[in-house]
N, C-alpha and C. Protein backbone atom coordinates (compact mmCIF):
# COMPACT_ATOMS: atom_id res chain seq x y z
N UNK A 1 4.52 -13.25 -28.05
CA UNK A 1 5.17 -13.22 -29.33
C UNK A 1 5.50 -14.67 -29.73
N UNK A 2 5.16 -15.02 -30.94
CA UNK A 2 5.41 -16.37 -31.44
C UNK A 2 6.89 -16.58 -31.72
N UNK A 3 7.29 -17.85 -31.71
CA UNK A 3 8.69 -18.18 -31.95
C UNK A 3 9.15 -17.69 -33.32
N UNK A 4 8.33 -17.87 -34.35
CA UNK A 4 8.71 -17.44 -35.70
C UNK A 4 8.95 -15.94 -35.75
N UNK A 5 8.13 -15.19 -35.04
CA UNK A 5 8.28 -13.74 -34.98
C UNK A 5 9.58 -13.37 -34.27
N UNK A 6 9.86 -14.00 -33.14
CA UNK A 6 11.10 -13.75 -32.40
C UNK A 6 12.32 -14.08 -33.26
N UNK A 7 12.23 -15.20 -33.95
CA UNK A 7 13.35 -15.65 -34.78
C UNK A 7 13.58 -14.68 -35.95
N UNK A 8 12.51 -14.20 -36.55
CA UNK A 8 12.60 -13.24 -37.65
C UNK A 8 13.28 -11.95 -37.16
N UNK A 9 12.85 -11.44 -36.02
CA UNK A 9 13.44 -10.22 -35.47
C UNK A 9 14.93 -10.45 -35.17
N UNK A 10 15.25 -11.59 -34.57
CA UNK A 10 16.65 -11.93 -34.29
C UNK A 10 17.47 -11.94 -35.58
N UNK A 11 16.96 -12.59 -36.62
CA UNK A 11 17.70 -12.66 -37.89
C UNK A 11 17.88 -11.29 -38.52
N UNK A 12 16.87 -10.44 -38.41
CA UNK A 12 16.99 -9.07 -38.93
C UNK A 12 18.15 -8.35 -38.22
N UNK A 13 18.19 -8.45 -36.90
CA UNK A 13 19.28 -7.82 -36.15
C UNK A 13 20.62 -8.42 -36.48
N UNK A 14 20.67 -9.74 -36.62
CA UNK A 14 21.89 -10.47 -36.97
C UNK A 14 22.47 -9.93 -38.28
N UNK A 15 21.64 -9.88 -39.31
CA UNK A 15 22.13 -9.48 -40.63
C UNK A 15 22.33 -7.98 -40.77
N UNK A 16 21.43 -7.17 -40.21
CA UNK A 16 21.57 -5.72 -40.33
C UNK A 16 22.82 -5.24 -39.60
N UNK A 17 23.03 -5.72 -38.36
CA UNK A 17 24.22 -5.27 -37.63
C UNK A 17 25.49 -5.76 -38.32
N UNK A 18 25.48 -6.98 -38.82
CA UNK A 18 26.65 -7.50 -39.53
C UNK A 18 26.97 -6.62 -40.74
N UNK A 19 25.94 -6.24 -41.49
CA UNK A 19 26.14 -5.38 -42.65
C UNK A 19 26.69 -4.02 -42.25
N UNK A 20 26.13 -3.42 -41.19
CA UNK A 20 26.61 -2.12 -40.72
C UNK A 20 28.09 -2.21 -40.34
N UNK A 21 28.45 -3.25 -39.63
CA UNK A 21 29.83 -3.37 -39.18
C UNK A 21 30.77 -3.65 -40.36
N UNK A 22 30.35 -4.44 -41.32
CA UNK A 22 31.19 -4.70 -42.49
C UNK A 22 31.39 -3.43 -43.30
N UNK A 23 30.34 -2.64 -43.45
CA UNK A 23 30.47 -1.37 -44.17
C UNK A 23 31.39 -0.41 -43.41
N UNK A 24 31.24 -0.34 -42.09
CA UNK A 24 32.01 0.61 -41.27
C UNK A 24 33.46 0.18 -41.05
N UNK A 25 33.68 -1.11 -40.78
CA UNK A 25 35.02 -1.59 -40.41
C UNK A 25 35.67 -2.48 -41.45
N UNK A 26 34.86 -3.01 -42.36
CA UNK A 26 35.39 -3.91 -43.37
C UNK A 26 35.29 -5.38 -43.00
N UNK A 27 34.86 -5.67 -41.79
CA UNK A 27 34.72 -7.05 -41.33
C UNK A 27 33.82 -7.06 -40.09
N UNK A 28 33.42 -8.26 -39.69
CA UNK A 28 32.69 -8.44 -38.44
C UNK A 28 33.15 -9.75 -37.81
N UNK A 29 32.66 -10.03 -36.64
CA UNK A 29 32.97 -11.27 -35.94
C UNK A 29 31.64 -11.96 -35.65
N UNK A 30 31.63 -13.26 -35.68
CA UNK A 30 30.37 -14.00 -35.52
C UNK A 30 29.67 -13.67 -34.20
N UNK A 31 30.45 -13.39 -33.16
CA UNK A 31 29.81 -13.07 -31.88
C UNK A 31 29.10 -11.72 -31.94
N UNK A 32 29.59 -10.81 -32.76
CA UNK A 32 28.92 -9.52 -32.93
C UNK A 32 27.63 -9.68 -33.72
N UNK A 33 27.61 -10.60 -34.66
CA UNK A 33 26.38 -10.88 -35.41
C UNK A 33 25.31 -11.42 -34.46
N UNK A 34 25.70 -12.37 -33.61
CA UNK A 34 24.76 -12.90 -32.63
C UNK A 34 24.27 -11.81 -31.68
N UNK A 35 25.19 -10.97 -31.25
CA UNK A 35 24.83 -9.88 -30.34
C UNK A 35 23.86 -8.92 -31.02
N UNK A 36 24.08 -8.63 -32.29
CA UNK A 36 23.15 -7.77 -33.04
C UNK A 36 21.76 -8.35 -33.08
N UNK A 37 21.64 -9.67 -33.23
CA UNK A 37 20.34 -10.32 -33.22
C UNK A 37 19.66 -10.22 -31.87
N UNK A 38 20.41 -10.46 -30.82
CA UNK A 38 19.86 -10.36 -29.45
C UNK A 38 19.43 -8.92 -29.17
N UNK A 39 20.26 -7.97 -29.58
CA UNK A 39 19.93 -6.56 -29.32
C UNK A 39 18.62 -6.17 -30.00
N UNK A 40 18.46 -6.51 -31.27
CA UNK A 40 17.22 -6.12 -31.95
C UNK A 40 16.01 -6.81 -31.32
N UNK A 41 16.16 -8.04 -30.89
CA UNK A 41 15.05 -8.73 -30.22
C UNK A 41 14.68 -8.00 -28.93
N UNK A 42 15.66 -7.54 -28.19
CA UNK A 42 15.38 -6.79 -26.95
C UNK A 42 14.75 -5.44 -27.28
N UNK A 43 15.29 -4.74 -28.28
CA UNK A 43 14.74 -3.45 -28.67
C UNK A 43 13.30 -3.60 -29.16
N UNK A 44 13.03 -4.68 -29.85
CA UNK A 44 11.68 -4.96 -30.33
C UNK A 44 10.73 -5.12 -29.14
N UNK A 45 11.17 -5.81 -28.14
CA UNK A 45 10.36 -6.00 -26.94
C UNK A 45 10.16 -4.68 -26.20
N UNK A 46 11.22 -3.90 -26.06
CA UNK A 46 11.14 -2.61 -25.37
C UNK A 46 10.19 -1.67 -26.10
N UNK A 47 10.28 -1.65 -27.42
CA UNK A 47 9.45 -0.71 -28.20
C UNK A 47 7.99 -1.12 -28.25
N UNK A 48 7.67 -2.30 -27.74
CA UNK A 48 6.28 -2.76 -27.80
C UNK A 48 5.39 -2.05 -26.78
N UNK A 49 5.98 -1.40 -25.80
CA UNK A 49 5.20 -0.67 -24.81
C UNK A 49 4.64 0.59 -25.45
N UNK A 50 3.35 0.74 -25.43
CA UNK A 50 2.68 1.86 -26.11
C UNK A 50 3.13 3.23 -25.59
N UNK A 51 3.43 3.33 -24.32
CA UNK A 51 3.82 4.61 -23.73
C UNK A 51 5.29 4.94 -23.95
N UNK A 52 6.00 4.09 -24.67
CA UNK A 52 7.44 4.27 -24.87
C UNK A 52 7.69 5.33 -25.94
N UNK A 53 8.28 6.44 -25.54
CA UNK A 53 8.62 7.49 -26.51
C UNK A 53 9.90 7.12 -27.24
N UNK A 54 10.16 7.81 -28.33
CA UNK A 54 11.37 7.55 -29.11
C UNK A 54 12.61 7.81 -28.27
N UNK A 55 12.67 8.93 -27.57
CA UNK A 55 13.85 9.27 -26.77
C UNK A 55 14.07 8.26 -25.66
N UNK A 56 13.02 7.89 -24.97
CA UNK A 56 13.14 6.92 -23.88
C UNK A 56 13.57 5.56 -24.43
N UNK A 57 13.00 5.16 -25.55
CA UNK A 57 13.38 3.90 -26.17
C UNK A 57 14.86 3.90 -26.57
N UNK A 58 15.33 5.01 -27.11
CA UNK A 58 16.74 5.11 -27.50
C UNK A 58 17.67 5.10 -26.29
N UNK A 59 17.25 5.76 -25.22
CA UNK A 59 18.06 5.77 -24.00
C UNK A 59 18.17 4.35 -23.42
N UNK A 60 17.03 3.66 -23.32
CA UNK A 60 17.04 2.28 -22.81
C UNK A 60 17.84 1.39 -23.76
N UNK A 61 17.64 1.58 -25.06
CA UNK A 61 18.38 0.80 -26.05
C UNK A 61 19.88 0.98 -25.92
N UNK A 62 20.31 2.22 -25.72
CA UNK A 62 21.73 2.50 -25.56
C UNK A 62 22.29 1.80 -24.32
N UNK A 63 21.53 1.82 -23.24
CA UNK A 63 21.97 1.12 -22.03
C UNK A 63 22.05 -0.39 -22.25
N UNK A 64 21.05 -0.95 -22.94
CA UNK A 64 21.03 -2.39 -23.22
C UNK A 64 22.22 -2.77 -24.10
N UNK A 65 22.43 -2.01 -25.16
CA UNK A 65 23.52 -2.32 -26.09
C UNK A 65 24.87 -2.20 -25.38
N UNK A 66 25.06 -1.13 -24.62
CA UNK A 66 26.32 -0.94 -23.91
C UNK A 66 26.56 -2.07 -22.90
N UNK A 67 25.51 -2.49 -22.22
CA UNK A 67 25.63 -3.60 -21.26
C UNK A 67 26.01 -4.90 -21.95
N UNK A 68 25.34 -5.20 -23.05
CA UNK A 68 25.67 -6.42 -23.80
C UNK A 68 27.06 -6.32 -24.40
N UNK A 69 27.44 -5.13 -24.86
CA UNK A 69 28.77 -4.94 -25.41
C UNK A 69 29.84 -5.21 -24.35
N UNK A 70 29.59 -4.78 -23.13
CA UNK A 70 30.54 -5.05 -22.04
C UNK A 70 30.64 -6.55 -21.78
N UNK A 71 29.50 -7.23 -21.69
CA UNK A 71 29.50 -8.67 -21.42
C UNK A 71 30.20 -9.44 -22.53
N UNK A 72 29.85 -9.13 -23.77
CA UNK A 72 30.47 -9.83 -24.91
C UNK A 72 31.95 -9.46 -25.01
N UNK A 73 32.26 -8.19 -24.75
CA UNK A 73 33.65 -7.76 -24.79
C UNK A 73 34.52 -8.46 -23.76
N UNK A 74 34.00 -8.61 -22.56
CA UNK A 74 34.76 -9.32 -21.53
C UNK A 74 35.01 -10.76 -21.97
N UNK A 75 33.99 -11.40 -22.54
CA UNK A 75 34.17 -12.78 -23.00
C UNK A 75 35.11 -12.84 -24.21
N UNK A 76 34.79 -12.07 -25.26
CA UNK A 76 35.56 -12.14 -26.51
C UNK A 76 36.99 -11.66 -26.35
N UNK A 77 37.15 -10.51 -25.74
CA UNK A 77 38.44 -9.85 -25.75
C UNK A 77 39.32 -10.12 -24.54
N UNK A 78 38.71 -10.24 -23.38
CA UNK A 78 39.51 -10.44 -22.16
C UNK A 78 39.69 -11.92 -21.85
N UNK A 79 38.61 -12.68 -21.89
CA UNK A 79 38.72 -14.11 -21.55
C UNK A 79 39.29 -14.92 -22.71
N UNK A 80 38.69 -14.74 -23.92
CA UNK A 80 39.11 -15.56 -25.07
C UNK A 80 40.29 -14.96 -25.85
N UNK A 81 40.61 -13.70 -25.62
CA UNK A 81 41.71 -13.02 -26.31
C UNK A 81 41.53 -13.00 -27.83
N UNK A 82 40.29 -12.82 -28.28
CA UNK A 82 40.01 -12.77 -29.72
C UNK A 82 40.26 -11.39 -30.32
N UNK A 83 40.39 -10.38 -29.47
CA UNK A 83 40.70 -9.02 -29.93
C UNK A 83 39.74 -8.53 -31.02
N UNK A 84 38.45 -8.65 -30.74
CA UNK A 84 37.43 -8.22 -31.70
C UNK A 84 37.39 -6.70 -31.80
N UNK A 85 37.53 -5.98 -30.68
CA UNK A 85 37.62 -4.53 -30.67
C UNK A 85 38.37 -4.09 -29.42
N UNK A 86 38.80 -2.84 -29.46
CA UNK A 86 39.53 -2.26 -28.33
C UNK A 86 39.28 -0.76 -28.31
N UNK A 87 38.58 -0.29 -27.30
CA UNK A 87 38.27 1.13 -27.15
C UNK A 87 39.25 1.82 -26.20
N UNK A 88 40.37 1.20 -25.90
CA UNK A 88 41.33 1.75 -24.93
C UNK A 88 41.80 3.15 -25.28
N UNK A 89 41.89 3.47 -26.56
CA UNK A 89 42.37 4.78 -26.98
C UNK A 89 41.27 5.84 -26.96
N UNK A 90 40.04 5.43 -26.75
CA UNK A 90 38.93 6.38 -26.74
C UNK A 90 38.68 6.93 -25.34
N UNK A 91 38.16 8.14 -25.26
CA UNK A 91 37.92 8.73 -23.93
C UNK A 91 36.78 8.02 -23.19
N UNK A 92 36.88 8.07 -21.87
CA UNK A 92 35.84 7.53 -20.99
C UNK A 92 35.52 6.06 -21.30
N UNK A 93 36.57 5.25 -21.49
CA UNK A 93 36.36 3.83 -21.74
C UNK A 93 36.46 3.06 -20.43
N UNK A 94 35.87 1.88 -20.42
CA UNK A 94 35.97 0.98 -19.27
C UNK A 94 36.53 -0.35 -19.77
N UNK A 95 37.71 -0.67 -19.31
CA UNK A 95 38.43 -1.89 -19.70
C UNK A 95 38.66 -2.00 -21.20
N UNK A 96 38.50 -0.91 -21.92
CA UNK A 96 38.65 -0.93 -23.38
C UNK A 96 37.48 -1.60 -24.09
N UNK A 97 36.43 -1.94 -23.35
CA UNK A 97 35.31 -2.70 -23.93
C UNK A 97 34.10 -1.84 -24.24
N UNK A 98 33.87 -0.81 -23.44
CA UNK A 98 32.78 0.13 -23.68
C UNK A 98 33.31 1.54 -23.49
N UNK A 99 32.64 2.52 -24.09
CA UNK A 99 33.04 3.91 -23.91
C UNK A 99 31.84 4.81 -24.21
N UNK A 100 31.90 6.01 -23.68
CA UNK A 100 30.80 6.94 -23.86
C UNK A 100 30.57 7.32 -25.33
N UNK A 101 31.62 7.56 -26.13
CA UNK A 101 31.35 7.89 -27.54
C UNK A 101 30.55 6.80 -28.27
N UNK A 102 30.84 5.53 -28.02
CA UNK A 102 30.09 4.48 -28.68
C UNK A 102 28.70 4.32 -28.07
N UNK A 103 28.55 4.59 -26.79
CA UNK A 103 27.21 4.57 -26.19
C UNK A 103 26.33 5.64 -26.85
N UNK A 104 26.92 6.79 -27.15
CA UNK A 104 26.18 7.84 -27.86
C UNK A 104 25.83 7.39 -29.28
N UNK A 105 26.76 6.67 -29.92
CA UNK A 105 26.47 6.13 -31.25
C UNK A 105 25.34 5.11 -31.18
N UNK A 106 25.33 4.27 -30.15
CA UNK A 106 24.25 3.27 -29.99
C UNK A 106 22.92 3.98 -29.81
N UNK A 107 22.93 5.11 -29.07
CA UNK A 107 21.70 5.90 -28.90
C UNK A 107 21.17 6.32 -30.28
N UNK A 108 22.05 6.84 -31.11
CA UNK A 108 21.65 7.29 -32.45
C UNK A 108 21.20 6.13 -33.33
N UNK A 109 21.86 4.99 -33.19
CA UNK A 109 21.48 3.82 -33.98
C UNK A 109 20.11 3.29 -33.56
N UNK A 110 19.71 3.57 -32.34
CA UNK A 110 18.40 3.13 -31.85
C UNK A 110 17.25 3.90 -32.50
N UNK A 111 17.52 5.06 -33.09
CA UNK A 111 16.45 5.82 -33.76
C UNK A 111 15.90 5.02 -34.94
N UNK A 112 16.74 4.62 -35.93
CA UNK A 112 16.17 3.81 -37.02
C UNK A 112 15.68 2.44 -36.52
N UNK A 113 16.32 1.89 -35.49
CA UNK A 113 15.87 0.61 -34.95
C UNK A 113 14.46 0.72 -34.38
N UNK A 114 14.16 1.84 -33.73
CA UNK A 114 12.83 2.08 -33.18
C UNK A 114 11.77 2.01 -34.28
N UNK A 115 12.05 2.69 -35.39
CA UNK A 115 11.08 2.70 -36.49
C UNK A 115 11.02 1.37 -37.21
N UNK A 116 12.15 0.67 -37.30
CA UNK A 116 12.16 -0.68 -37.87
C UNK A 116 11.31 -1.62 -37.02
N UNK A 117 11.42 -1.53 -35.72
CA UNK A 117 10.63 -2.37 -34.81
C UNK A 117 9.14 -2.08 -34.96
N UNK A 118 8.79 -0.81 -35.08
CA UNK A 118 7.39 -0.44 -35.28
C UNK A 118 6.87 -1.00 -36.60
N UNK A 119 7.69 -0.91 -37.66
CA UNK A 119 7.30 -1.44 -38.97
C UNK A 119 7.11 -2.95 -38.91
N UNK A 120 8.02 -3.65 -38.25
CA UNK A 120 7.91 -5.11 -38.15
C UNK A 120 6.66 -5.48 -37.32
N UNK A 121 6.38 -4.74 -36.27
CA UNK A 121 5.20 -5.01 -35.45
C UNK A 121 3.92 -4.86 -36.29
N UNK A 122 3.86 -3.82 -37.12
CA UNK A 122 2.71 -3.64 -38.00
C UNK A 122 2.58 -4.78 -38.99
N UNK A 123 3.71 -5.20 -39.53
CA UNK A 123 3.69 -6.33 -40.48
C UNK A 123 3.20 -7.61 -39.82
N UNK A 124 3.66 -7.87 -38.62
CA UNK A 124 3.25 -9.08 -37.89
C UNK A 124 1.77 -9.01 -37.53
N UNK A 125 1.28 -7.81 -37.24
CA UNK A 125 -0.12 -7.64 -36.86
C UNK A 125 -1.04 -7.65 -38.08
N UNK A 126 -0.45 -7.56 -39.26
CA UNK A 126 -1.24 -7.59 -40.48
C UNK A 126 -1.89 -6.26 -40.79
N UNK A 127 -1.35 -5.18 -40.24
CA UNK A 127 -1.93 -3.85 -40.47
C UNK A 127 -1.38 -3.29 -41.77
């Protein structure tokens, strides 16, 4: 994958996730925008495997997003005390940074991401 292609995918994730979070919460944090870019770049790479089904891609995507959310949450919220989010009141949370309800939401969000990645791949291939 060329650098320009990687950068384009990253920017798409950066802006799309920022927009989703602004619509849902009314604001976002710059670290979440960066994380959204990294996530879409990873999802794009995962979806490039021809044998990857939609369900499997969403399951892997949910695991990737939840893992990155934990890492960013530990840095943003526990180490830096920026208080970007807190899932402490939600069931099945870990350190207030990740929880099963949001992991399920990430699974669902991976459905349109899967098709977006396929569309971008076709565009890059010139199909």
